Amino acid sequence: MTSRLTAGIDDNAVKSLLAVSSADGESIVVVWADPTTHALLVKTVGTGLTLETNGTLNGSQTLLNLVAGTNITLSDNVGIGTSTPTATLDIQGTSTTPELTVASSTGATSLGVDASGRVVVGAAGLATLVAGTVTVTPGVPIDSNTLIFLTDQNGAGTVGNKYISATTTTTFVITSTNALDTGNMAWEIIQK
């Protein structure tokens, strides 16, 4: 192991903080600090890099941050939450956290796999009609590609036919053909 040596990184000569070399003298891991941002940077040659921590990272700590323009090519299985992945991407959550969440720029979940292994698409919920109508704010954007599905859960009150009577970019209104309808409506949103 050699410290404070000059190593070629991306064709620029920079001062490394640490370099690990193979028996033939080739640097296989080089660690240096970016002179502008002072971020710690790592470059590997050969088989790659394993990052480990001696504890649990809290929400404000980052073990690995890939910056824009960073390309990663993987030729083997990748595991998140497992050290023995059995698929190209193997994600194993806990019994209380979602295994996978894909969210929009606003943070609204558009696709996911919950802790029970069920696929979650878009948004879903329950709404109770009051005097035959209810306005729902689903937490996901609504546009011309939005499909809204309704199911009457209990048929309470004087039952009528339910339909979507109005939409905005953030809400939709469920209306019954009978103003005395107080049914519980399950709704699901899917973006086509």
Protein backbone atom coordinates (compact mmCIF):
# COMPACT_ATOMS: atom_id res chain seq x y z
CA MET A 1 0.00 0.00 0.00
CA THR A 2 1.38 3.41 -0.96
CA SER A 3 0.04 6.78 0.17
CA ARG A 4 0.34 10.25 -1.37
CA LEU A 5 1.49 9.15 -4.81
CA THR A 6 0.69 10.70 -8.17
CA ALA A 7 -1.72 8.58 -10.22
CA GLY A 8 -3.33 9.09 -13.61
CA ILE A 9 -7.08 9.40 -13.16
CA ASP A 10 -9.13 10.27 -16.24
CA ASP A 11 -5.91 11.42 -17.96
CA ASN A 12 -5.27 14.07 -15.30
CA ALA A 13 -2.39 13.85 -12.86
CA VAL A 14 -3.83 14.29 -9.37
CA LYS A 15 -2.49 13.67 -5.91
CA SER A 16 -4.05 10.55 -4.50
CA LEU A 17 -4.70 10.09 -0.82
CA LEU A 18 -4.34 6.33 -1.06
CA ALA A 19 -3.46 3.87 -3.81
CA VAL A 20 -3.47 0.09 -3.58
CA SER A 21 -1.28 -1.62 -6.16
CA SER A 22 -1.09 -5.16 -7.47
CA ALA A 23 2.15 -7.15 -7.54
CA ASP A 24 3.01 -5.74 -11.00
CA GLY A 25 2.77 -2.16 -9.70
CA GLU A 26 -0.53 -1.25 -11.36
CA SER A 27 -2.83 0.79 -9.12
CA ILE A 28 -6.04 -1.22 -8.70
CA VAL A 29 -7.77 1.16 -6.27
CA VAL A 30 -7.03 4.88 -6.12
CA VAL A 31 -8.68 7.24 -3.63
CA TRP A 32 -8.41 11.01 -4.00
CA ALA A 33 -10.23 14.19 -3.06
CA ASP A 34 -11.82 16.43 -5.67
CA PRO A 35 -9.93 19.75 -5.42
CA THR A 36 -13.12 21.80 -5.94
CA THR A 37 -15.84 19.95 -4.00
CA HIS A 38 -13.51 18.06 -1.63
CA ALA A 39 -15.59 14.94 -2.24
CA LEU A 40 -13.79 11.65 -1.70
CA LEU A 41 -13.48 9.84 -5.05
CA VAL A 42 -12.59 6.20 -5.74
CA LYS A 43 -11.48 4.58 -8.98
CA THR A 44 -10.96 0.86 -9.40
CA VAL A 45 -9.36 -1.25 -12.11
CA GLY A 46 -10.27 -4.89 -12.60
CA THR A 47 -12.87 -6.71 -10.56
CA GLY A 48 -14.65 -3.71 -9.06
CA LEU A 49 -15.32 -2.26 -5.67
CA THR A 50 -17.19 -3.44 -2.60
CA LEU A 51 -18.46 -0.75 -0.23
CA GLU A 52 -19.25 -1.75 3.32
CA THR A 53 -20.14 0.08 6.50
CA ASN A 54 -19.58 -1.01 10.11
CA GLY A 55 -23.08 -0.12 11.16
CA THR A 56 -26.38 1.25 10.00
CA LEU A 57 -26.49 4.41 7.91
CA ASN A 58 -29.04 6.95 9.07
CA GLY A 59 -31.16 9.01 6.69
CA SER A 60 -28.56 11.79 6.36
CA GLN A 61 -25.62 9.52 5.51
CA THR A 62 -24.69 8.29 2.03
CA LEU A 63 -22.55 5.23 1.37
CA LEU A 64 -22.46 5.72 -2.42
CA ASN A 65 -23.59 8.68 -4.49
CA LEU A 66 -23.46 8.39 -8.28
CA VAL A 67 -23.22 11.75 -10.00
CA ALA A 68 -24.79 12.66 -13.34
CA GLY A 69 -22.82 11.20 -16.20
CA THR A 70 -21.74 8.17 -14.18
CA ASN A 71 -22.29 4.93 -16.07
CA ILE A 72 -22.28 1.59 -14.34
CA THR A 73 -22.12 -1.62 -16.29
CA LEU A 74 -22.83 -4.78 -14.34
CA SER A 75 -22.26 -8.23 -15.73
CA ASP A 76 -23.54 -10.23 -12.78
CA ASN A 77 -26.49 -10.25 -10.40
CA VAL A 78 -27.03 -7.21 -8.19
CA GLY A 79 -28.48 -7.47 -4.70
CA ILE A 80 -30.15 -4.81 -2.59
CA GLY A 81 -30.86 -6.08 0.91
CA THR A 82 -29.15 -9.39 0.11
CA SER A 83 -25.54 -10.48 -0.31
CA THR A 84 -26.55 -13.49 -2.42
CA PRO A 85 -28.70 -12.16 -5.31
CA THR A 86 -30.35 -14.86 -7.42
CA ALA A 87 -31.69 -12.58 -10.19
CA THR A 88 -30.31 -9.79 -12.34
CA LEU A 89 -31.77 -7.36 -9.79
CA ASP A 90 -32.70 -9.01 -6.49
CA ILE A 91 -34.35 -6.68 -3.95
CA GLN A 92 -35.20 -8.05 -0.53
CA GLY A 93 -37.01 -5.71 1.84
CA THR A 94 -38.04 -6.25 5.42
CA SER A 95 -41.42 -7.35 6.73
CA THR A 96 -42.42 -3.73 7.35
CA THR A 97 -40.91 -1.75 4.46
CA PRO A 98 -41.76 -1.77 0.75
CA GLU A 99 -39.38 -3.86 -1.32
CA LEU A 100 -39.46 -1.47 -4.27
CA THR A 101 -40.87 2.00 -4.81
CA VAL A 102 -40.74 4.01 -8.03
CA ALA A 103 -41.84 7.58 -7.39
CA SER A 104 -42.51 10.69 -9.44
CA SER A 105 -40.57 13.92 -9.00
CA THR A 106 -43.21 14.94 -6.42
CA GLY A 107 -42.61 11.78 -4.39
CA ALA A 108 -45.90 10.11 -5.29
CA THR A 109 -45.54 6.34 -5.73
CA SER A 110 -46.32 5.29 -9.29
CA LEU A 111 -45.13 1.67 -9.05
CA GLY A 112 -44.02 -0.50 -6.20
CA VAL A 113 -43.89 -3.85 -4.47
CA ASP A 114 -45.13 -3.74 -0.88
CA ALA A 115 -43.74 -5.71 2.07
CA SER A 116 -46.21 -8.54 1.32
CA GLY A 117 -44.93 -8.89 -2.25
CA ARG A 118 -48.02 -7.33 -3.85
CA VAL A 119 -47.53 -5.06 -6.86
CA VAL A 120 -48.78 -1.51 -6.28
CA VAL A 121 -49.55 0.52 -9.40
CA GLY A 122 -50.49 4.19 -9.20
CA ALA A 123 -52.54 5.10 -6.16
CA ALA A 124 -55.53 3.54 -4.42
CA GLY A 125 -57.82 4.28 -1.52
CA LEU A 126 -61.33 4.40 -0.05
CA ALA A 127 -63.80 7.30 -0.13
CA THR A 128 -67.25 7.56 1.46
CA LEU A 129 -70.03 9.30 -0.45
CA VAL A 130 -71.89 12.02 1.44
CA ALA A 131 -75.23 12.92 -0.14
CA GLY A 132 -74.19 11.03 -3.26
CA THR A 133 -70.79 12.66 -3.89
CA VAL A 134 -67.20 12.82 -2.66
CA THR A 135 -64.07 14.67 -3.82
CA VAL A 136 -60.85 12.62 -3.72
CA THR A 137 -57.28 13.95 -3.62
CA PRO A 138 -55.21 10.89 -4.55
CA GLY A 139 -51.73 12.39 -4.17
CA VAL A 140 -50.76 11.66 -7.78
CA PRO A 141 -51.20 13.88 -10.83
CA ILE A 142 -54.32 13.41 -12.96
CA ASP A 143 -54.19 14.02 -16.70
CA SER A 144 -55.55 12.62 -19.97
CA ASN A 145 -53.51 9.42 -19.45
CA THR A 146 -55.07 8.70 -16.05
CA LEU A 147 -57.43 5.74 -15.66
CA ILE A 148 -59.62 5.79 -12.52
CA PHE A 149 -61.33 2.57 -11.47
CA LEU A 150 -64.22 2.47 -8.96
CA THR A 151 -65.72 -0.36 -6.91
CA ASP A 152 -68.64 0.00 -4.47
CA GLN A 153 -67.56 -1.68 -1.23
CA ASN A 154 -70.87 -1.83 0.67
CA GLY A 155 -73.82 -0.31 -1.23
CA ALA A 156 -74.91 1.82 1.73
CA GLY A 157 -77.83 4.22 1.58
CA THR A 158 -80.00 4.27 -1.50
CA VAL A 159 -77.64 2.87 -4.09
CA GLY A 160 -77.15 4.60 -7.44
CA ASN A 161 -74.71 4.21 -10.33
CA LYS A 162 -71.32 5.78 -9.55
CA TYR A 163 -69.15 7.67 -12.02
CA ILE A 164 -66.37 10.26 -12.17
CA SER A 165 -68.17 13.59 -12.66
CA ALA A 166 -65.19 15.97 -12.60
CA THR A 167 -61.40 16.01 -12.51
CA THR A 168 -58.65 18.55 -11.94
CA THR A 169 -54.90 17.93 -12.06
CA THR A 170 -54.99 16.95 -8.37
CA THR A 171 -58.58 15.77 -7.57
CA PHE A 172 -61.51 13.82 -8.93
CA VAL A 173 -65.18 13.72 -7.91
CA ILE A 174 -67.15 10.48 -7.51
CA THR A 175 -70.88 11.05 -7.98
CA SER A 176 -73.86 8.72 -7.62
CA THR A 177 -77.02 8.95 -9.67
CA ASN A 178 -78.83 8.90 -6.31
CA ALA A 179 -78.24 11.82 -3.93
CA LEU A 180 -79.02 9.54 -0.93
CA ASP A 181 -76.11 7.18 -1.75
CA THR A 182 -73.60 6.90 1.15
CA GLY A 183 -71.56 4.01 -0.22
CA ASN A 184 -67.88 3.38 0.46
CA MET A 185 -66.03 3.54 -2.84
CA ALA A 186 -62.68 1.88 -3.48
CA TRP A 187 -60.71 3.70 -6.16
CA GLU A 188 -57.50 2.96 -8.02
CA ILE A 189 -55.51 5.16 -10.38
CA ILE A 190 -53.29 3.80 -13.13
CA GLN A 191 -51.36 5.92 -15.62
CA LYS A 192 -51.58 4.48 -19.15
